N, C-alpha and C. Protein backbone atom coordinates (compact mmCIF):
# COMPACT_ATOMS: atom_id res chain seq x y z
N UNK A 1 0.80 -1.44 0.21
CA UNK A 1 -0.28 -0.53 0.05
C UNK A 1 0.83 1.19 0.03
N UNK A 2 0.68 2.25 -0.53
CA UNK A 2 1.77 3.60 -0.79
C UNK A 2 1.25 4.53 0.05
N UNK A 3 1.82 5.40 0.72
CA UNK A 3 1.75 5.78 1.98
C UNK A 3 0.45 7.03 1.63
N UNK A 4 0.11 7.46 0.31
CA UNK A 4 -1.21 8.26 0.10
C UNK A 4 -2.02 7.65 0.31
N UNK A 5 -2.23 5.85 0.18
CA UNK A 5 -3.41 4.99 0.35
C UNK A 5 -3.39 4.79 1.78
N UNK A 6 -2.48 4.57 2.51
CA UNK A 6 -2.64 4.70 3.88
C UNK A 6 -2.83 5.85 4.57
N UNK A 7 -2.59 6.64 4.23
CA UNK A 7 -2.79 8.30 4.92
C UNK A 7 -4.28 8.37 4.91
N UNK A 8 -4.96 7.97 3.61
CA UNK A 8 -6.09 8.33 3.33
C UNK A 8 -7.17 6.92 3.67
N UNK A 9 -6.62 5.79 4.57
CA UNK A 9 -7.32 4.71 4.42
C UNK A 9 -8.20 5.25 5.78
N UNK A 10 -9.45 4.37 5.86
CA UNK A 10 -10.36 4.54 7.24
C UNK A 10 -9.35 4.27 8.46
N UNK A 11 -8.69 3.32 8.42
CA UNK A 11 -7.64 3.41 10.24
C UNK A 11 -7.19 4.74 10.32
N UNK A 12 -6.81 5.58 9.29
CA UNK A 12 -6.21 6.46 9.72
C UNK A 12 -6.63 7.68 9.79
N UNK A 13 -8.39 7.69 9.84
CA UNK A 13 -9.48 8.34 9.90
C UNK A 13 -9.09 8.97 11.59
N UNK A 14 -9.34 8.16 12.62
CA UNK A 14 -8.97 8.55 13.88
C UNK A 14 -8.14 9.31 14.42
N UNK A 15 -7.09 9.06 13.45
CA UNK A 15 -5.57 9.95 13.64
C UNK A 15 -5.76 11.26 13.49
N UNK A 16 -6.05 11.29 12.36
CA UNK A 16 -6.34 12.98 11.68
C UNK A 16 -7.16 13.67 11.93
N UNK A 17 -8.38 13.08 12.68
CA UNK A 17 -9.20 13.81 12.56
C UNK A 17 -9.33 14.32 14.58
N UNK A 18 -9.21 13.28 15.07
CA UNK A 18 -8.81 12.96 16.20
C UNK A 18 -7.66 14.36 16.70
N UNK A 19 -6.28 14.14 16.23
CA UNK A 19 -5.51 14.66 16.01
C UNK A 19 -6.04 16.30 16.02
N UNK A 20 -6.27 16.41 14.74
CA UNK A 20 -6.69 18.23 14.30
C UNK A 20 -7.48 18.28 15.74
N UNK A 21 -8.67 18.44 16.17
CA UNK A 21 -9.82 18.42 16.52
C UNK A 21 -8.98 18.55 18.37
N UNK A 22 -7.99 17.68 18.79
CA UNK A 22 -7.38 17.59 19.94
C UNK A 22 -6.63 19.06 20.24
N UNK A 23 -5.53 19.12 18.77
CA UNK A 23 -4.52 20.58 18.32
C UNK A 23 -5.85 21.70 18.78
N UNK A 24 -7.14 22.08 18.48
CA UNK A 24 -7.73 22.96 18.11
C UNK A 24 -8.48 23.23 19.66
N UNK A 25 -8.46 21.78 20.47
CA UNK A 25 -9.24 22.00 21.98
C UNK A 25 -8.24 22.36 22.67
N UNK A 26 -6.95 21.94 22.65
CA UNK A 26 -5.80 22.02 23.14
C UNK A 26 -5.25 23.80 23.33
N UNK A 27 -5.70 24.62 22.10
CA UNK A 27 -5.26 25.41 21.91
C UNK A 27 -6.32 26.74 22.36
N UNK A 28 -7.76 26.25 22.36
CA UNK A 28 -8.63 26.82 23.56
C UNK A 28 -8.65 27.02 24.54
N UNK A 29 -8.53 25.77 24.79
CA UNK A 29 -8.54 25.57 26.65
C UNK A 29 -7.05 25.81 27.21
N UNK A 30 -5.88 26.05 26.20
CA UNK A 30 -4.82 26.56 26.75
C UNK A 30 -4.43 28.34 26.75
N UNK A 31 -5.26 28.73 25.46
CA UNK A 31 -4.96 30.12 24.93
C UNK A 31 -5.93 30.92 25.10
N UNK A 32 -6.97 30.46 25.30
CA UNK A 32 -8.37 31.40 25.45
C UNK A 32 -8.29 32.70 26.44
N UNK A 33 -7.99 32.34 27.15
CA UNK A 33 -7.91 33.44 28.68
C UNK A 33 -6.89 34.45 28.01
N UNK A 34 -5.43 34.14 27.22
CA UNK A 34 -4.60 35.23 27.15
C UNK A 34 -5.15 35.26 25.46
N UNK A 35 -6.24 35.25 25.25
CA UNK A 35 -6.16 35.77 23.50
C UNK A 35 -7.60 36.94 24.20
N UNK A 36 -8.09 36.70 24.94
CA UNK A 36 -9.42 37.54 25.72
C UNK A 36 -9.15 38.56 26.41
N UNK A 37 -8.54 38.19 27.76
CA UNK A 37 -8.06 38.82 28.79
C UNK A 37 -7.04 39.68 28.71
N UNK A 38 -5.75 39.55 27.90
CA UNK A 38 -4.82 39.89 28.26
C UNK A 38 -4.20 40.98 27.03
N UNK A 39 -3.39 41.61 27.52
CA UNK A 39 -3.25 42.45 26.13
C UNK A 39 -2.57 42.68 25.27
N UNK A 40 -2.02 40.93 25.00
CA UNK A 40 -0.84 40.71 24.37
C UNK A 40 -1.85 39.89 23.55
N UNK A 41 -2.45 38.91 23.60
CA UNK A 41 -3.24 37.97 22.71
C UNK A 41 -2.66 37.33 21.75
N UNK A 42 -2.64 36.32 21.10
CA UNK A 42 -1.84 35.46 20.47
C UNK A 42 -1.11 35.88 19.40
N UNK A 43 0.07 34.50 19.60
CA UNK A 43 1.28 35.25 18.74
C UNK A 43 1.78 33.90 18.05
N UNK A 44 2.84 33.97 17.30
CA UNK A 44 3.63 33.16 17.21
C UNK A 44 4.04 32.35 18.28
N UNK A 45 4.56 33.05 19.07
CA UNK A 45 5.54 32.44 19.97
C UNK A 45 4.49 31.76 21.01
N UNK A 46 3.37 31.84 21.60
CA UNK A 46 2.20 30.91 21.78
C UNK A 46 1.58 30.21 21.11
N UNK A 47 1.64 30.43 19.82
CA UNK A 47 1.39 29.24 18.80
C UNK A 47 2.11 27.84 18.66
N UNK A 48 3.03 28.20 18.79
CA UNK A 48 4.31 27.41 18.99
C UNK A 48 4.56 26.42 20.32
N UNK A 49 4.05 27.73 21.28
CA UNK A 49 4.33 26.63 22.90
C UNK A 49 3.15 25.89 22.80
N UNK A 50 2.14 26.16 22.63
CA UNK A 50 0.81 25.31 22.51
C UNK A 50 0.87 24.35 21.44
N UNK A 51 1.29 24.12 20.52
CA UNK A 51 1.67 23.64 19.51
C UNK A 51 2.95 22.00 19.94
N UNK A 52 3.31 22.45 20.64
CA UNK A 52 4.49 21.79 20.75
C UNK A 52 4.07 20.81 22.15
N UNK A 53 3.30 21.40 23.15
CA UNK A 53 2.48 20.78 24.11
C UNK A 53 1.64 19.72 23.33
N UNK A 54 1.00 20.27 22.80
CA UNK A 54 -0.38 19.32 21.97
C UNK A 54 0.66 18.08 21.55
N UNK A 55 1.59 18.74 20.66
CA UNK A 55 2.33 17.30 19.71
C UNK A 55 2.90 16.00 20.76
N UNK A 56 3.41 16.46 22.14
CA UNK A 56 4.35 15.72 22.73
C UNK A 56 2.87 14.91 23.55
N UNK A 57 2.25 15.34 24.09
CA UNK A 57 1.13 14.71 24.52
C UNK A 57 0.29 13.70 23.63
N UNK A 58 -0.02 14.65 22.32
CA UNK A 58 -0.62 13.49 21.34
C UNK A 58 -0.11 12.19 21.06
N UNK A 59 1.20 12.17 21.06
CA UNK A 59 2.10 11.41 20.58
C UNK A 59 2.71 10.55 21.56
N UNK A 60 2.59 10.54 22.66
CA UNK A 60 2.46 9.87 23.86
C UNK A 60 0.67 8.82 24.11
N UNK A 61 0.13 9.48 24.02
CA UNK A 61 -1.60 8.98 23.84
C UNK A 61 -1.67 8.11 23.24
N UNK A 62 -1.26 8.38 21.95
CA UNK A 62 -2.00 8.28 20.69
C UNK A 62 -1.28 6.69 20.31
N UNK A 63 0.02 6.46 21.16
CA UNK A 63 1.16 5.21 21.09
C UNK A 63 0.91 4.55 21.56
N UNK A 64 0.52 5.03 22.91
CA UNK A 64 -0.20 3.87 23.90
C UNK A 64 -1.42 3.35 23.43
N UNK A 65 -2.43 4.25 23.08
CA UNK A 65 -3.72 3.54 22.55
C UNK A 65 -3.33 2.47 21.57
N UNK A 66 -3.03 3.11 20.75
CA UNK A 66 -3.00 2.39 19.08
C UNK A 66 -1.78 0.92 19.68
N UNK A 67 -0.87 0.95 20.38
CA UNK A 67 -0.18 -0.43 20.77
C UNK A 67 -0.77 -0.96 21.41
N UNK A 68 -1.73 -0.55 22.58
CA UNK A 68 -2.51 -1.35 23.71
C UNK A 68 -3.26 -2.08 22.48
N UNK A 69 -4.73 -1.71 21.75
CA UNK A 69 -5.29 -2.08 20.92
C UNK A 69 -4.69 -3.36 19.87
N UNK A 70 -3.30 -2.91 19.34
CA UNK A 70 -3.03 -4.09 18.52
C UNK A 70 -2.34 -4.91 19.15
N UNK A 71 -1.92 -4.75 20.06
CA UNK A 71 -1.57 -5.94 21.04
C UNK A 71 -2.50 -7.10 21.42
N UNK A 72 -3.80 -6.30 21.77
CA UNK A 72 -5.07 -6.82 22.47
C UNK A 72 -5.53 -7.76 21.29
N UNK A 73 -5.36 -7.58 19.59
CA UNK A 73 -5.92 -8.09 18.26
C UNK A 73 -5.22 -9.47 18.36
N UNK A 74 -3.43 -9.38 18.58
CA UNK A 74 -2.85 -10.49 18.64
C UNK A 74 -2.69 -11.25 20.16
N UNK A 75 -3.23 -10.64 20.97
CA UNK A 75 -3.76 -11.83 22.16
C UNK A 75 -5.01 -12.51 21.55
N UNK A 76 -5.96 -11.76 20.77
CA UNK A 76 -6.63 -12.47 20.77
C UNK A 76 -6.65 -13.74 19.69
N UNK A 77 -6.07 -13.15 18.76
CA UNK A 77 -5.20 -14.28 17.47
C UNK A 77 -4.94 -15.45 18.13
N UNK A 78 -3.91 -15.32 19.15
CA UNK A 78 -3.26 -16.28 20.01
C UNK A 78 -4.25 -17.03 20.87
N UNK A 79 -5.71 -16.80 20.99
CA UNK A 79 -6.72 -17.44 22.14
C UNK A 79 -7.22 -18.71 20.54
N UNK A 80 -7.59 -17.71 19.61
CA UNK A 80 -8.22 -18.42 18.64
C UNK A 80 -7.85 -19.47 17.58
N UNK A 81 -6.56 -19.42 17.44
CA UNK A 81 -5.51 -20.06 17.24
C UNK A 81 -5.00 -21.39 18.41
N UNK A 82 -5.85 -21.24 19.53
CA UNK A 82 -5.21 -22.26 20.38
C UNK A 82 -3.66 -22.67 20.77
N UNK A 83 -2.91 -21.23 20.63
CA UNK A 83 -1.62 -20.96 21.04
C UNK A 83 -1.36 -21.97 22.25
N UNK A 84 -0.51 -22.38 22.74
CA UNK A 84 0.00 -23.10 24.01
C UNK A 84 0.42 -21.86 24.61
N UNK A 85 1.39 -21.18 24.08
CA UNK A 85 2.30 -20.52 24.72
C UNK A 85 1.79 -19.09 24.43
N UNK A 86 1.90 -17.78 25.09
CA UNK A 86 1.22 -16.90 25.11
C UNK A 86 2.47 -15.73 24.83
N UNK A 87 2.05 -14.81 24.14
CA UNK A 87 3.04 -13.65 23.35
C UNK A 87 3.67 -14.11 22.34
N UNK A 88 3.35 -15.44 21.66
CA UNK A 88 4.80 -15.55 20.46
C UNK A 88 4.34 -14.82 19.55
N UNK A 89 3.25 -14.57 19.26
CA UNK A 89 2.46 -13.28 17.87
C UNK A 89 3.25 -12.02 17.94
N UNK A 90 3.32 -11.55 19.44
CA UNK A 90 3.87 -10.05 19.54
C UNK A 90 5.51 -10.47 19.37
N UNK A 91 5.63 -10.96 19.74
CA UNK A 91 7.52 -11.38 19.46
C UNK A 91 7.55 -11.74 18.12
N UNK A 92 6.77 -11.68 17.02
CA UNK A 92 7.34 -12.32 15.99
C UNK A 92 6.65 -11.01 15.10
N UNK A 93 7.12 -10.91 13.45
CA UNK A 93 6.92 -10.27 13.02
C UNK A 93 5.89 -9.14 12.75
N UNK A 94 4.90 -9.77 13.18
CA UNK A 94 3.65 -9.54 13.77
C UNK A 94 3.47 -8.45 14.79
N UNK A 95 4.55 -8.60 15.74
CA UNK A 95 4.24 -7.68 16.88
C UNK A 95 5.39 -6.92 16.37
N UNK A 96 6.71 -6.74 15.85
CA UNK A 96 7.22 -5.47 15.26
C UNK A 96 6.19 -4.81 14.15
N UNK A 97 5.52 -5.63 13.47
CA UNK A 97 4.44 -4.47 12.32
C UNK A 97 3.68 -3.71 13.40
N UNK A 98 3.13 -4.55 14.68
CA UNK A 98 2.11 -3.44 15.56
C UNK A 98 3.06 -2.52 15.66
N UNK A 99 4.14 -2.70 16.47
CA UNK A 99 4.68 -1.51 16.76
C UNK A 99 4.97 -0.52 15.90
N UNK A 100 5.18 -0.97 14.62
CA UNK A 100 5.76 0.40 13.49
C UNK A 100 4.24 1.16 13.29
N UNK A 101 3.11 0.07 13.20
CA UNK A 101 1.87 0.86 12.76
C UNK A 101 1.31 1.53 13.81
N UNK A 102 1.73 1.32 15.50
CA UNK A 102 1.11 2.05 16.12
C UNK A 102 2.00 3.39 16.41
N UNK A 103 3.72 3.23 15.71
CA UNK A 103 4.15 4.29 15.81
C UNK A 103 3.59 5.50 14.73
N UNK A 104 3.24 4.73 13.32
CA UNK A 104 2.86 5.44 12.22
C UNK A 104 1.51 6.36 12.93
N UNK A 105 0.83 6.09 13.71
CA UNK A 105 -0.47 6.50 13.59
C UNK A 105 -0.30 7.41 15.02
N UNK A 106 0.61 7.33 15.45
CA UNK A 106 1.06 8.34 16.69
C UNK A 106 1.44 9.55 15.68
N UNK A 107 2.24 9.39 15.50
CA UNK A 107 3.15 10.23 14.25
C UNK A 107 2.09 10.83 13.60
N UNK A 108 1.21 10.53 13.29
CA UNK A 108 -0.09 11.53 12.27
C UNK A 108 -0.72 11.72 13.13
N UNK A 109 -1.38 11.31 14.28
CA UNK A 109 -2.36 12.05 14.96
C UNK A 109 -1.32 13.23 15.44
N UNK A 110 -0.29 13.42 15.97
CA UNK A 110 0.56 14.12 17.26
C UNK A 110 0.81 15.33 15.69
N UNK A 111 1.43 15.13 14.48
CA UNK A 111 1.38 16.12 13.46
C UNK A 111 -0.07 16.74 13.25
N UNK A 112 -0.69 16.11 13.59
CA UNK A 112 -2.51 16.74 12.96
C UNK A 112 -2.45 17.68 14.23
N UNK A 113 -1.90 16.94 15.28
CA UNK A 113 -2.09 18.09 16.58
C UNK A 113 -1.62 19.30 16.41
N UNK A 114 -0.30 19.23 16.31
CA UNK A 114 0.33 20.51 16.16
C UNK A 114 -0.40 21.63 14.90
N UNK A 115 -0.57 20.81 13.83
CA UNK A 115 -1.51 21.56 13.28
C UNK A 115 -2.62 22.55 13.39
N UNK A 116 -3.62 21.16 14.80
CA UNK A 116 -4.81 21.92 14.76
C UNK A 116 -4.53 22.84 15.81
N UNK A 117 -3.44 22.81 16.51
CA UNK A 117 -3.01 23.79 18.08
C UNK A 117 -2.61 25.32 17.24
N UNK A 118 -1.61 24.99 15.79
CA UNK A 118 -0.95 26.12 15.75
C UNK A 118 -1.62 27.02 14.60
N UNK A 119 -2.08 26.66 13.94
CA UNK A 119 -3.12 26.96 12.46
C UNK A 119 -4.22 28.46 13.52
N UNK A 120 -5.17 27.44 14.39
CA UNK A 120 -6.30 28.53 15.23
C UNK A 120 -5.48 29.65 15.58
N UNK A 121 -4.52 29.52 16.61
CA UNK A 121 -3.76 30.59 17.46
C UNK A 121 -2.97 31.38 16.09
N UNK A 122 -2.20 31.01 14.98
CA UNK A 122 -2.62 32.15 14.00
C UNK A 122 -3.32 33.07 13.36
N UNK A 123 -4.53 32.25 13.53
CA UNK A 123 -5.45 32.82 12.95
C UNK A 123 -6.09 33.79 13.89
N UNK A 124 -5.98 33.79 14.97
CA UNK A 124 -6.34 34.43 16.39
C UNK A 124 -5.37 35.45 15.80
N UNK A 125 -3.87 35.66 15.97
CA UNK A 125 -2.78 36.63 15.90
C UNK A 125 -3.21 37.36 14.52
N UNK A 126 -3.48 36.89 13.57
CA UNK A 126 -3.43 37.64 12.50
C UNK A 126 -4.56 38.09 11.48
N UNK A 127 -5.75 37.68 12.19
CA UNK A 127 -6.99 38.09 11.29
C UNK A 127 -7.35 39.75 11.92
N UNK A 128 -7.51 40.61 11.40
CA UNK A 128 -7.75 41.70 11.96
C UNK A 128 -9.20 41.93 12.64
N UNK A 129 -8.90 42.78 13.30
CA UNK A 129 -10.59 43.09 13.76
C UNK A 129 -10.55 42.31 15.16
N UNK A 130 -11.94 42.28 16.18
CA UNK A 130 -11.91 42.28 17.49
C UNK A 130 -11.24 40.53 17.90
N UNK A 131 -10.98 40.58 19.09
CA UNK A 131 -9.97 39.34 19.15
C UNK A 131 -11.01 37.91 19.15
N UNK A 132 -12.36 38.25 19.39
CA UNK A 132 -13.59 37.27 19.43
C UNK A 132 -13.72 36.83 18.14
N UNK A 133 -13.50 37.53 17.40
CA UNK A 133 -13.51 36.90 15.39
C UNK A 133 -12.67 35.72 15.24
N UNK A 134 -11.51 35.94 15.89
CA UNK A 134 -10.62 34.59 15.89
C UNK A 134 -10.79 33.51 16.59
N UNK A 135 -11.47 33.86 17.62
CA UNK A 135 -12.27 32.35 18.51
C UNK A 135 -13.30 31.80 17.40
N UNK A 136 -14.39 32.74 16.92
CA UNK A 136 -15.12 32.37 16.30
C UNK A 136 -15.02 31.52 15.23
N UNK A 137 -13.49 31.91 14.42
CA UNK A 137 -13.20 31.01 13.23
C UNK A 137 -13.02 29.93 13.88
N UNK A 138 -12.53 30.10 14.87
CA UNK A 138 -11.60 28.45 15.53
C UNK A 138 -13.10 27.88 15.78
N UNK A 139 -13.98 28.25 16.03
CA UNK A 139 -15.27 27.26 16.49
C UNK A 139 -16.02 26.68 14.85
N UNK A 140 -16.24 27.96 13.81
CA UNK A 140 -16.26 27.55 12.52
C UNK A 140 -15.17 26.70 12.16
N UNK A 141 -13.74 26.24 12.32
CA UNK A 141 -13.65 25.38 11.66
C UNK A 141 -13.97 24.07 12.39
N UNK A 142 -13.50 24.07 13.61
CA UNK A 142 -14.24 22.87 14.61
C UNK A 142 -15.94 22.21 14.00
N UNK A 143 -16.72 23.09 13.62
CA UNK A 143 -18.16 22.74 12.87
C UNK A 143 -17.84 22.08 11.88
N UNK A 144 -17.37 22.67 10.99
CA UNK A 144 -16.11 21.97 9.67
C UNK A 144 -16.00 20.83 10.06
N UNK A 145 -15.23 20.58 10.69
CA UNK A 145 -14.33 19.44 10.79
C UNK A 145 -15.26 18.21 11.37
N UNK A 146 -16.16 18.52 11.95
CA UNK A 146 -17.92 17.65 12.60
C UNK A 146 -18.30 17.17 11.36
N UNK A 147 -18.81 18.58 10.70
CA UNK A 147 -19.14 18.00 8.83
C UNK A 147 -18.55 16.75 8.37
N UNK A 148 -16.88 16.97 8.20
CA UNK A 148 -16.72 16.32 7.62
C UNK A 148 -16.28 14.77 8.02
N UNK A 149 -16.40 14.97 9.14
CA UNK A 149 -16.51 13.11 10.28
C UNK A 149 -17.89 12.86 9.59
N UNK A 150 -18.47 13.58 10.10
CA UNK A 150 -20.15 13.13 10.18
C UNK A 150 -20.10 12.34 8.35
N UNK A 151 -19.77 13.50 7.37
CA UNK A 151 -20.03 12.62 5.94
C UNK A 151 -19.26 11.34 5.83
N UNK A 152 -17.68 11.22 6.32
CA UNK A 152 -17.25 10.42 6.54
C UNK A 152 -17.73 8.93 6.40
N UNK A 153 -18.61 9.06 7.70
CA UNK A 153 -19.30 7.55 8.22
C UNK A 153 -20.93 7.45 8.16
N UNK A 154 -21.18 8.77 7.00
CA UNK A 154 -23.18 8.50 6.61
C UNK A 154 -23.73 9.26 8.67
N UNK A 155 -22.60 9.91 8.94
CA UNK A 155 -23.84 10.71 10.38
C UNK A 155 -24.58 11.59 9.87
N UNK A 156 -25.09 12.41 10.98
CA UNK A 156 -25.86 13.27 10.76
C UNK A 156 -24.81 14.45 11.08
N UNK A 157 -24.79 15.43 9.82
CA UNK A 157 -23.91 16.81 9.44
C UNK A 157 -24.22 17.23 10.81
N UNK A 158 -25.51 17.73 11.20
CA UNK A 158 -26.03 18.87 11.97
C UNK A 158 -25.40 18.31 13.21
N UNK A 159 -25.65 17.42 13.45
CA UNK A 159 -25.21 16.88 15.15
C UNK A 159 -23.82 16.92 15.42
N UNK A 160 -22.77 15.98 14.49
CA UNK A 160 -21.86 16.09 14.89
C UNK A 160 -20.92 17.44 14.50
N UNK A 161 -21.72 18.62 13.91
CA UNK A 161 -21.31 19.80 14.01
C UNK A 161 -21.50 20.78 14.95
N UNK A 162 -22.58 20.81 15.10
CA UNK A 162 -22.64 21.31 16.72
C UNK A 162 -22.36 20.81 17.94
N UNK A 163 -22.26 19.31 17.91
CA UNK A 163 -21.43 18.68 19.25
C UNK A 163 -20.41 19.34 19.42
N UNK A 164 -19.27 19.12 17.93
CA UNK A 164 -18.12 19.21 18.40
C UNK A 164 -17.87 21.04 18.51
N UNK A 165 -18.48 21.49 17.78
CA UNK A 165 -18.69 22.89 18.06
C UNK A 165 -18.97 23.57 19.95
N UNK A 166 -19.82 22.96 20.15
CA UNK A 166 -19.98 23.10 21.32
C UNK A 166 -18.90 22.63 22.20
N UNK A 167 -18.29 21.48 21.99
CA UNK A 167 -17.54 21.40 22.80
C UNK A 167 -16.44 22.25 22.77
N UNK A 168 -16.13 22.67 21.68
CA UNK A 168 -14.93 24.00 21.52
C UNK A 168 -15.43 24.96 22.14
N UNK A 169 -16.85 25.81 22.39
CA UNK A 169 -17.19 26.90 23.15
C UNK A 169 -17.47 26.38 24.60
N UNK A 170 -17.49 25.21 25.25
CA UNK A 170 -17.38 24.90 27.18
C UNK A 170 -15.61 24.81 27.20
N UNK A 171 -14.72 24.43 25.93
CA UNK A 171 -13.19 24.48 26.61
C UNK A 171 -12.83 26.06 26.07
N UNK A 172 -13.39 26.70 25.30
CA UNK A 172 -12.86 28.25 25.46
C UNK A 172 -13.56 28.69 27.00
N UNK A 173 -14.65 28.60 27.23
CA UNK A 173 -14.98 29.27 28.41
C UNK A 173 -14.22 28.51 29.52
N UNK A 174 -13.73 27.14 29.72
CA UNK A 174 -12.69 26.61 30.50
C UNK A 174 -11.52 27.81 30.46
N UNK A 175 -11.21 27.84 29.28
CA UNK A 175 -9.68 28.55 29.13
C UNK A 175 -9.69 29.89 29.59
N UNK A 176 -10.99 30.24 29.17
CA UNK A 176 -11.09 31.92 29.92
C UNK A 176 -10.45 31.70 31.40
N UNK A 177 -11.51 31.01 31.91
CA UNK A 177 -11.62 30.86 33.56
C UNK A 177 -10.28 30.21 33.93
N UNK A 178 -9.87 29.66 33.36
CA UNK A 178 -8.41 28.91 34.34
C UNK A 178 -7.44 30.02 33.73
N UNK A 179 -7.51 30.49 32.48
CA UNK A 179 -6.34 31.44 32.25
C UNK A 179 -4.74 30.54 32.36
N UNK A 180 -4.44 29.50 31.66
CA UNK A 180 -3.37 29.32 32.15
C UNK A 180 -1.92 29.78 31.77
N UNK A 181 -2.32 30.65 30.40
CA UNK A 181 -0.76 30.58 29.99
C UNK A 181 -1.11 32.69 30.33
N UNK A 182 -1.46 33.00 30.41
CA UNK A 182 -2.41 34.18 30.39
C UNK A 182 -1.26 35.29 30.89
């Protein structure tokens, strides 16, 4: 399978969407207070700091989740095959392939998380007008991602767009109240 086909496969949809949404939600939680409350607002340094933090947490979380899921599949396969010794598949080529697949998925999710955190904060920094306009654009991006996600699995576009945008509003409110990087 080519890298493009692998990237566009339904298996990687979670990594892409979750990475982007996680990055945006992290940006809202960590930076909304600074964007709206302080005189500084968003800038390139803030975008980079939030993006790095998002990428690092995302790569660890996704690697652990993917690897645990793939190892569990190997354990299920051992049971179905009635293998007497446990862990044989995990130490085989299949185990190495599971490790590589988990690392690739985590790297993709982290990359999308970095993009998801950086782009909205840069929008807030460089969109002229009131500061809330940048946050409104971020919420519109979240709604658009919800719509794309819903279309990808034939779900309700309205439900997913509204749900993800509402999550953005809630985390923006939390970010304003706790003002982490203010």
